[in-house]
Amino acid sequence: MSKGSFFKNNPIKDSLIKNGAMLGAFAIVTTALIAVTFFGTKDTIEEQKRRKLLSVLNEVVPSSLHTNPLYADCTVIDSSALGPGNHAVYRARLNSQPSGLVVQATAPDGYSGNIDMVIGVDVNLNVLGVRVVEHKETPGLGDKVELAVSDWIKIFAGKDFSSDNLAPWQVKKDGGEFDQFTGATITPRAVVNAVKNALIYVEENQTRLFDAPNQCRIGNDINADSQEQPS
């Protein structure tokens, strides 16, 4: 048997080619399915994130402080003071007069990455509330920044702020007044710093934030009743 005919009729080679073709086809199909799933669920995931954000607006600015729908009145800011990326600042108005802001901010230095949050503050720089809306912190440790896990995030409510006195705006381990978690200081430190930086930004830019053109609009599938009175 010649060398050429050996390879031509070699069952091992045929099997390898067949298996390789099957694996290649499987890889192509799998990749296509993943791509279809990603693009098919991307809008749904973004919508869920948006609804989660909207659901906490009235948690950090009480309805008694505004007569406008918060989700429909905002400006979008690109500032390192609020963390990486663009952030919406929602405006609360009481009978058309500025009364408070809800600031999106991102702590870029969480233990496991970005921590996205919203900060409610009135025009006198009194903190109305803070909520973490997305994070990847360690379950049982850093995830205590999430209200569903711990009440720690409520510690910000009622705090007044002035950039003339920043010393308290640290975790206790660094000489401030905010508790850290047992075995986890990085996460609360990141959140406190992000809140502090956002409040400094508000203090310096409050008038401009209220006067900026509105960049929010009411979505077709969202109405005022469902967002102004979340369940």
C-alpha atoms as a PDB file:
ATOM      1  CA  MET A   1       0.000   0.000   0.000  1.00  0.00           C
ATOM      2  CA  SER A   2       1.377   3.356  -0.949  1.00  0.00           C
ATOM      3  CA  LYS A   3       1.742   6.218   1.546  1.00  0.00           C
ATOM      4  CA  GLY A   4      -0.880   8.225  -0.309  1.00  0.00           C
ATOM      5  CA  SER A   5      -3.483   5.477  -0.240  1.00  0.00           C
ATOM      6  CA  PHE A   6      -2.793   4.878   3.467  1.00  0.00           C
ATOM      7  CA  PHE A   7      -3.796   8.419   4.408  1.00  0.00           C
ATOM      8  CA  LYS A   8      -6.617   8.404   1.911  1.00  0.00           C
ATOM      9  CA  ASN A   9      -8.238   5.342   3.461  1.00  0.00           C
ATOM     10  CA  ASN A  10      -7.104   5.768   7.066  1.00  0.00           C
ATOM     11  CA  PRO A  11     -10.182   5.391   9.334  1.00  0.00           C
ATOM     12  CA  ILE A  12      -8.416   7.240  12.210  1.00  0.00           C
ATOM     13  CA  LYS A  13      -7.917  10.266   9.987  1.00  0.00           C
ATOM     14  CA  ASP A  14     -11.529  10.089   8.844  1.00  0.00           C
ATOM     15  CA  SER A  15     -12.683   9.899  12.459  1.00  0.00           C
ATOM     16  CA  LEU A  16     -10.552  12.885  13.458  1.00  0.00           C
ATOM     17  CA  ILE A  17     -11.888  14.940  10.571  1.00  0.00           C
ATOM     18  CA  LYS A  18     -15.452  13.962  11.406  1.00  0.00           C
ATOM     19  CA  ASN A  19     -15.048  14.714  15.120  1.00  0.00           C
ATOM     20  CA  GLY A  20     -13.302  17.981  14.356  1.00  0.00           C
ATOM     21  CA  ALA A  21     -16.110  19.038  12.049  1.00  0.00           C
ATOM     22  CA  MET A  22     -18.690  18.129  14.699  1.00  0.00           C
ATOM     23  CA  LEU A  23     -16.838  20.097  17.383  1.00  0.00           C
ATOM     24  CA  GLY A  24     -16.494  23.051  15.033  1.00  0.00           C
ATOM     25  CA  ALA A  25     -20.191  22.975  14.220  1.00  0.00           C
ATOM     26  CA  PHE A  26     -21.046  22.651  17.916  1.00  0.00           C
ATOM     27  CA  ALA A  27     -18.851  25.643  18.734  1.00  0.00           C
ATOM     28  CA  ILE A  28     -20.498  27.734  16.013  1.00  0.00           C
ATOM     29  CA  VAL A  29     -24.001  26.800  17.154  1.00  0.00           C
ATOM     30  CA  THR A  30     -23.144  27.411  20.825  1.00  0.00           C
ATOM     31  CA  THR A  31     -21.621  30.813  20.054  1.00  0.00           C
ATOM     32  CA  ALA A  32     -24.660  31.743  17.987  1.00  0.00           C
ATOM     33  CA  LEU A  33     -27.028  30.710  20.790  1.00  0.00           C
ATOM     34  CA  ILE A  34     -25.061  32.712  23.363  1.00  0.00           C
ATOM     35  CA  ALA A  35     -25.101  35.743  21.067  1.00  0.00           C
ATOM     36  CA  VAL A  36     -28.839  35.401  20.477  1.00  0.00           C
ATOM     37  CA  THR A  37     -29.473  35.006  24.220  1.00  0.00           C
ATOM     38  CA  PHE A  38     -27.321  38.026  25.041  1.00  0.00           C
ATOM     39  CA  PHE A  39     -28.928  40.326  22.518  1.00  0.00           C
ATOM     40  CA  GLY A  40     -32.356  38.921  23.299  1.00  0.00           C
ATOM     41  CA  THR A  41     -32.031  39.608  27.045  1.00  0.00           C
ATOM     42  CA  LYS A  42     -29.873  42.751  26.954  1.00  0.00           C
ATOM     43  CA  ASP A  43     -32.846  45.090  26.734  1.00  0.00           C
ATOM     44  CA  THR A  44     -34.661  43.154  29.454  1.00  0.00           C
ATOM     45  CA  ILE A  45     -31.669  43.377  31.794  1.00  0.00           C
ATOM     46  CA  GLU A  46     -31.312  47.110  31.161  1.00  0.00           C
ATOM     47  CA  GLU A  47     -35.030  47.591  31.746  1.00  0.00           C
ATOM     48  CA  GLN A  48     -34.806  45.706  35.051  1.00  0.00           C
ATOM     49  CA  LYS A  49     -31.894  47.903  36.127  1.00  0.00           C
ATOM     50  CA  ARG A  50     -33.822  51.015  35.172  1.00  0.00           C
ATOM     51  CA  ARG A  51     -36.911  49.925  37.067  1.00  0.00           C
ATOM     52  CA  LYS A  52     -34.822  49.072  40.133  1.00  0.00           C
ATOM     53  CA  LEU A  53     -33.292  52.550  40.026  1.00  0.00           C
ATOM     54  CA  LEU A  54     -36.663  54.220  39.622  1.00  0.00           C
ATOM     55  CA  SER A  55     -38.131  52.199  42.472  1.00  0.00           C
ATOM     56  CA  VAL A  56     -35.661  53.688  44.972  1.00  0.00           C
ATOM     57  CA  LEU A  57     -36.078  57.341  44.000  1.00  0.00           C
ATOM     58  CA  ASN A  58     -38.864  57.919  46.515  1.00  0.00           C
ATOM     59  CA  GLU A  59     -36.963  55.921  49.111  1.00  0.00           C
ATOM     60  CA  VAL A  60     -34.247  58.568  49.174  1.00  0.00           C
ATOM     61  CA  VAL A  61     -36.458  61.616  48.582  1.00  0.00           C
ATOM     62  CA  PRO A  62     -39.830  61.448  50.364  1.00  0.00           C
ATOM     63  CA  SER A  63     -42.955  62.334  48.415  1.00  0.00           C
ATOM     64  CA  SER A  64     -43.600  65.222  50.817  1.00  0.00           C
ATOM     65  CA  LEU A  65     -40.545  66.953  49.379  1.00  0.00           C
ATOM     66  CA  HIS A  66     -41.653  67.069  45.751  1.00  0.00           C
ATOM     67  CA  THR A  67     -44.695  67.618  43.581  1.00  0.00           C
ATOM     68  CA  ASN A  68     -43.018  66.635  40.309  1.00  0.00           C
ATOM     69  CA  PRO A  69     -42.332  63.071  39.056  1.00  0.00           C
ATOM     70  CA  LEU A  70     -38.656  62.591  39.912  1.00  0.00           C
ATOM     71  CA  TYR A  71     -37.945  60.114  37.128  1.00  0.00           C
ATOM     72  CA  ALA A  72     -39.026  62.633  34.488  1.00  0.00           C
ATOM     73  CA  ASP A  73     -36.769  65.505  35.588  1.00  0.00           C
ATOM     74  CA  CYS A  74     -33.021  64.995  35.428  1.00  0.00           C
ATOM     75  CA  THR A  75     -29.727  66.058  33.961  1.00  0.00           C
ATOM     76  CA  VAL A  76     -26.905  63.700  32.981  1.00  0.00           C
ATOM     77  CA  ILE A  77     -23.408  64.370  34.301  1.00  0.00           C
ATOM     78  CA  ASP A  78     -19.988  63.100  33.270  1.00  0.00           C
ATOM     79  CA  SER A  79     -17.723  63.921  36.202  1.00  0.00           C
ATOM     80  CA  SER A  80     -15.010  61.962  37.969  1.00  0.00           C
ATOM     81  CA  ALA A  81     -16.487  63.231  41.240  1.00  0.00           C
ATOM     82  CA  LEU A  82     -19.408  60.856  40.699  1.00  0.00           C
ATOM     83  CA  GLY A  83     -17.273  57.937  39.543  1.00  0.00           C
ATOM     84  CA  PRO A  84     -16.679  56.441  36.104  1.00  0.00           C
ATOM     85  CA  GLY A  85     -19.298  56.871  33.380  1.00  0.00           C
ATOM     86  CA  ASN A  86     -22.330  59.105  32.994  1.00  0.00           C
ATOM     87  CA  HIS A  87     -24.656  59.638  35.926  1.00  0.00           C
ATOM     88  CA  ALA A  88     -28.172  61.026  36.113  1.00  0.00           C
ATOM     89  CA  VAL A  89     -29.066  63.641  38.704  1.00  0.00           C
ATOM     90  CA  TYR A  90     -32.811  63.700  39.357  1.00  0.00           C
ATOM     91  CA  ARG A  91     -34.364  66.975  40.518  1.00  0.00           C
ATOM     92  CA  ALA A  92     -37.050  67.193  43.211  1.00  0.00           C
ATOM     93  CA  ARG A  93     -39.209  70.315  43.030  1.00  0.00           C
ATOM     94  CA  LEU A  94     -41.874  71.383  45.497  1.00  0.00           C
ATOM     95  CA  ASN A  95     -44.424  73.588  43.745  1.00  0.00           C
ATOM     96  CA  SER A  96     -41.820  74.242  41.024  1.00  0.00           C
ATOM     97  CA  GLN A  97     -39.161  75.305  43.556  1.00  0.00           C
ATOM     98  CA  PRO A  98     -35.931  73.257  43.959  1.00  0.00           C
ATOM     99  CA  SER A  99     -36.153  71.043  47.020  1.00  0.00           C
ATOM    100  CA  GLY A 100     -33.738  68.147  46.566  1.00  0.00           C
ATOM    101  CA  LEU A 101     -31.612  65.990  44.318  1.00  0.00           C
ATOM    102  CA  VAL A 102     -31.091  62.282  43.774  1.00  0.00           C
ATOM    103  CA  VAL A 103     -27.562  61.725  42.516  1.00  0.00           C
ATOM    104  CA  GLN A 104     -26.385  58.568  40.819  1.00  0.00           C
ATOM    105  CA  ALA A 105     -22.793  57.779  41.805  1.00  0.00           C
ATOM    106  CA  THR A 106     -20.349  54.910  41.435  1.00  0.00           C
ATOM    107  CA  ALA A 107     -17.693  53.859  43.912  1.00  0.00           C
ATOM    108  CA  PRO A 108     -14.945  52.447  41.665  1.00  0.00           C
ATOM    109  CA  ASP A 109     -12.946  50.970  44.540  1.00  0.00           C
ATOM    110  CA  GLY A 110     -15.211  48.372  46.051  1.00  0.00           C
ATOM    111  CA  TYR A 111     -13.627  45.091  47.053  1.00  0.00           C
ATOM    112  CA  SER A 112     -15.046  43.358  43.963  1.00  0.00           C
ATOM    113  CA  GLY A 113     -15.438  46.321  41.615  1.00  0.00           C
ATOM    114  CA  ASN A 114     -17.903  49.129  41.056  1.00  0.00           C
ATOM    115  CA  ILE A 115     -20.654  49.870  43.552  1.00  0.00           C
ATOM    116  CA  ASP A 116     -23.539  51.832  42.014  1.00  0.00           C
ATOM    117  CA  MET A 117     -25.703  53.916  44.320  1.00  0.00           C
ATOM    118  CA  VAL A 118     -28.096  56.839  44.571  1.00  0.00           C
ATOM    119  CA  ILE A 119     -27.826  59.650  47.106  1.00  0.00           C
ATOM    120  CA  GLY A 120     -30.780  61.812  48.108  1.00  0.00           C
ATOM    121  CA  VAL A 121     -29.976  65.283  49.460  1.00  0.00           C
ATOM    122  CA  ASP A 122     -32.068  68.373  50.080  1.00  0.00           C
ATOM    123  CA  VAL A 123     -31.133  71.936  49.114  1.00  0.00           C
ATOM    124  CA  ASN A 124     -29.610  72.505  52.569  1.00  0.00           C
ATOM    125  CA  LEU A 125     -27.247  69.553  52.023  1.00  0.00           C
ATOM    126  CA  ASN A 126     -29.008  67.328  54.519  1.00  0.00           C
ATOM    127  CA  VAL A 127     -28.698  63.710  53.396  1.00  0.00           C
ATOM    128  CA  LEU A 128     -32.137  62.203  52.907  1.00  0.00           C
ATOM    129  CA  GLY A 129     -31.022  58.678  52.140  1.00  0.00           C
ATOM    130  CA  VAL A 130     -28.581  56.459  50.250  1.00  0.00           C
ATOM    131  CA  ARG A 131     -29.246  53.180  48.462  1.00  0.00           C
ATOM    132  CA  VAL A 132     -26.906  50.775  46.675  1.00  0.00           C
ATOM    133  CA  VAL A 133     -28.547  49.631  43.448  1.00  0.00           C
ATOM    134  CA  GLU A 134     -25.867  47.301  42.058  1.00  0.00           C
ATOM    135  CA  HIS A 135     -22.682  45.705  43.371  1.00  0.00           C
ATOM    136  CA  LYS A 136     -20.565  42.559  43.229  1.00  0.00           C
ATOM    137  CA  GLU A 137     -19.362  42.537  46.829  1.00  0.00           C
ATOM    138  CA  THR A 138     -18.742  39.318  48.761  1.00  0.00           C
ATOM    139  CA  PRO A 139     -21.891  37.681  50.162  1.00  0.00           C
ATOM    140  CA  GLY A 140     -21.893  37.736  53.958  1.00  0.00           C
ATOM    141  CA  LEU A 141     -19.302  40.531  54.103  1.00  0.00           C
ATOM    142  CA  GLY A 142     -19.387  43.429  51.664  1.00  0.00           C
ATOM    143  CA  ASP A 143     -22.957  42.829  50.576  1.00  0.00           C
ATOM    144  CA  LYS A 144     -24.107  44.450  53.835  1.00  0.00           C
ATOM    145  CA  VAL A 145     -24.211  47.718  51.894  1.00  0.00           C
ATOM    146  CA  GLU A 146     -27.408  46.367  50.327  1.00  0.00           C
ATOM    147  CA  LEU A 147     -30.590  47.216  52.238  1.00  0.00           C
ATOM    148  CA  ALA A 148     -32.005  43.732  51.682  1.00  0.00           C
ATOM    149  CA  VAL A 149     -29.073  42.327  53.665  1.00  0.00           C
ATOM    150  CA  SER A 150     -28.409  44.970  56.324  1.00  0.00           C
ATOM    151  CA  ASP A 151     -29.660  48.337  57.614  1.00  0.00           C
ATOM    152  CA  TRP A 152     -26.129  49.772  57.460  1.00  0.00           C
ATOM    153  CA  ILE A 153     -26.894  51.983  54.432  1.00  0.00           C
ATOM    154  CA  LYS A 154     -29.532  53.822  56.480  1.00  0.00           C
ATOM    155  CA  ILE A 155     -26.764  55.351  58.583  1.00  0.00           C
ATOM    156  CA  PHE A 156     -26.444  58.204  56.074  1.00  0.00           C
ATOM    157  CA  ALA A 157     -30.015  59.469  56.463  1.00  0.00           C
ATOM    158  CA  GLY A 158     -30.214  62.658  58.494  1.00  0.00           C
ATOM    159  CA  LYS A 159     -26.535  63.552  58.174  1.00  0.00           C
ATOM    160  CA  ASP A 160     -25.824  67.171  57.327  1.00  0.00           C
ATOM    161  CA  PHE A 161     -22.911  67.932  55.061  1.00  0.00           C
ATOM    162  CA  SER A 162     -20.369  70.708  54.713  1.00  0.00           C
ATOM    163  CA  SER A 163     -17.081  70.524  52.886  1.00  0.00           C
ATOM    164  CA  ASP A 164     -15.643  72.619  55.732  1.00  0.00           C
ATOM    165  CA  ASN A 165     -15.829  69.556  57.962  1.00  0.00           C
ATOM    166  CA  LEU A 166     -14.957  66.380  56.088  1.00  0.00           C
ATOM    167  CA  ALA A 167     -13.278  64.553  58.976  1.00  0.00           C
ATOM    168  CA  PRO A 168     -16.430  62.646  60.010  1.00  0.00           C
ATOM    169  CA  TRP A 169     -16.964  61.402  56.457  1.00  0.00           C
ATOM    170  CA  GLN A 170     -14.769  58.345  56.867  1.00  0.00           C
ATOM    171  CA  VAL A 171     -15.153  54.925  58.420  1.00  0.00           C
ATOM    172  CA  LYS A 172     -14.233  54.733  62.092  1.00  0.00           C
ATOM    173  CA  LYS A 173     -11.055  52.841  61.282  1.00  0.00           C
ATOM    174  CA  ASP A 174      -9.873  55.969  59.417  1.00  0.00           C
ATOM    175  CA  GLY A 175     -10.993  58.366  62.151  1.00  0.00           C
ATOM    176  CA  GLY A 176     -14.520  59.068  60.924  1.00  0.00           C
ATOM    177  CA  GLU A 177     -17.973  58.276  62.292  1.00  0.00           C
ATOM    178  CA  PHE A 178     -19.211  55.522  59.972  1.00  0.00           C
ATOM    179  CA  ASP A 179     -19.107  51.893  61.076  1.00  0.00           C
ATOM    180  CA  GLN A 180     -17.152  49.415  59.016  1.00  0.00           C
ATOM    181  CA  PHE A 181     -18.075  45.741  58.762  1.00  0.00           C
ATOM    182  CA  THR A 182     -16.362  43.050  60.769  1.00  0.00           C
ATOM    183  CA  GLY A 183     -13.748  41.595  58.442  1.00  0.00           C
ATOM    184  CA  ALA A 184     -14.616  44.002  55.625  1.00  0.00           C
ATOM    185  CA  THR A 185     -13.494  47.618  55.650  1.00  0.00           C
ATOM    186  CA  ILE A 186     -12.868  48.185  51.940  1.00  0.00           C
ATOM    187  CA  THR A 187     -16.530  48.101  50.914  1.00  0.00           C
ATOM    188  CA  PRO A 188     -17.949  50.577  53.469  1.00  0.00           C
ATOM    189  CA  ARG A 189     -14.932  52.833  52.966  1.00  0.00           C
ATOM    190  CA  ALA A 190     -15.633  52.915  49.220  1.00  0.00           C
ATOM    191  CA  VAL A 191     -19.306  53.759  49.768  1.00  0.00           C
ATOM    192  CA  VAL A 192     -18.604  56.504  52.317  1.00  0.00           C
ATOM    193  CA  ASN A 193     -16.006  58.076  50.029  1.00  0.00           C
ATOM    194  CA  ALA A 194     -18.359  57.962  47.045  1.00  0.00           C
ATOM    195  CA  VAL A 195     -21.167  59.585  49.030  1.00  0.00           C
ATOM    196  CA  LYS A 196     -18.792  62.257  50.323  1.00  0.00           C
ATOM    197  CA  ASN A 197     -17.481  63.039  46.836  1.00  0.00           C
ATOM    198  CA  ALA A 198     -21.022  63.236  45.431  1.00  0.00           C
ATOM    199  CA  LEU A 199     -22.046  65.664  48.180  1.00  0.00           C
ATOM    200  CA  ILE A 200     -19.017  67.852  47.511  1.00  0.00           C
ATOM    201  CA  TYR A 201     -20.050  67.926  43.861  1.00  0.00           C
ATOM    202  CA  VAL A 202     -23.611  68.890  44.771  1.00  0.00           C
ATOM    203  CA  GLU A 203     -22.403  71.625  47.113  1.00  0.00           C
ATOM    204  CA  GLU A 204     -20.290  73.131  44.336  1.00  0.00           C
ATOM    205  CA  ASN A 205     -22.817  72.704  41.507  1.00  0.00           C
ATOM    206  CA  GLN A 206     -26.299  72.741  43.024  1.00  0.00           C
ATOM    207  CA  THR A 207     -27.620  75.761  41.112  1.00  0.00           C
ATOM    208  CA  ARG A 208     -26.223  74.496  37.808  1.00  0.00           C
ATOM    209  CA  LEU A 209     -27.759  71.054  38.387  1.00  0.00           C
ATOM    210  CA  PHE A 210     -31.228  72.509  38.900  1.00  0.00           C
ATOM    211  CA  ASP A 211     -30.907  74.894  35.951  1.00  0.00           C
ATOM    212  CA  ALA A 212     -29.568  72.349  33.425  1.00  0.00           C
ATOM    213  CA  PRO A 213     -31.915  71.263  30.594  1.00  0.00           C
ATOM    214  CA  ASN A 214     -34.058  68.225  31.288  1.00  0.00           C
ATOM    215  CA  GLN A 215     -32.542  65.068  29.784  1.00  0.00           C
ATOM    216  CA  CYS A 216     -35.108  62.581  31.071  1.00  0.00           C
ATOM    217  CA  ARG A 217     -38.370  61.517  29.507  1.00  0.00           C
ATOM    218  CA  ILE A 218     -41.239  59.309  30.556  1.00  0.00           C
ATOM    219  CA  GLY A 219     -41.034  55.853  28.970  1.00  0.00           C
ATOM    220  CA  ASN A 220     -44.082  54.538  27.136  1.00  0.00           C
ATOM    221  CA  ASP A 221     -44.429  51.621  29.550  1.00  0.00           C
ATOM    222  CA  ILE A 222     -44.011  53.601  32.753  1.00  0.00           C
ATOM    223  CA  ASN A 223     -46.575  55.868  34.297  1.00  0.00           C
ATOM    224  CA  ALA A 224     -46.451  58.354  37.114  1.00  0.00           C
ATOM    225  CA  ASP A 225     -48.619  56.328  39.488  1.00  0.00           C
ATOM    226  CA  SER A 226     -46.426  53.233  39.351  1.00  0.00           C
ATOM    227  CA  GLN A 227     -43.237  55.173  40.023  1.00  0.00           C
ATOM    228  CA  GLU A 228     -44.432  57.869  42.384  1.00  0.00           C
ATOM    229  CA  GLN A 229     -46.073  55.260  44.615  1.00  0.00           C
ATOM    230  CA  PRO A 230     -43.837  52.164  44.427  1.00  0.00           C
ATOM    231  CA  SER A 231     -45.099  49.045  46.092  1.00  0.00           C
END
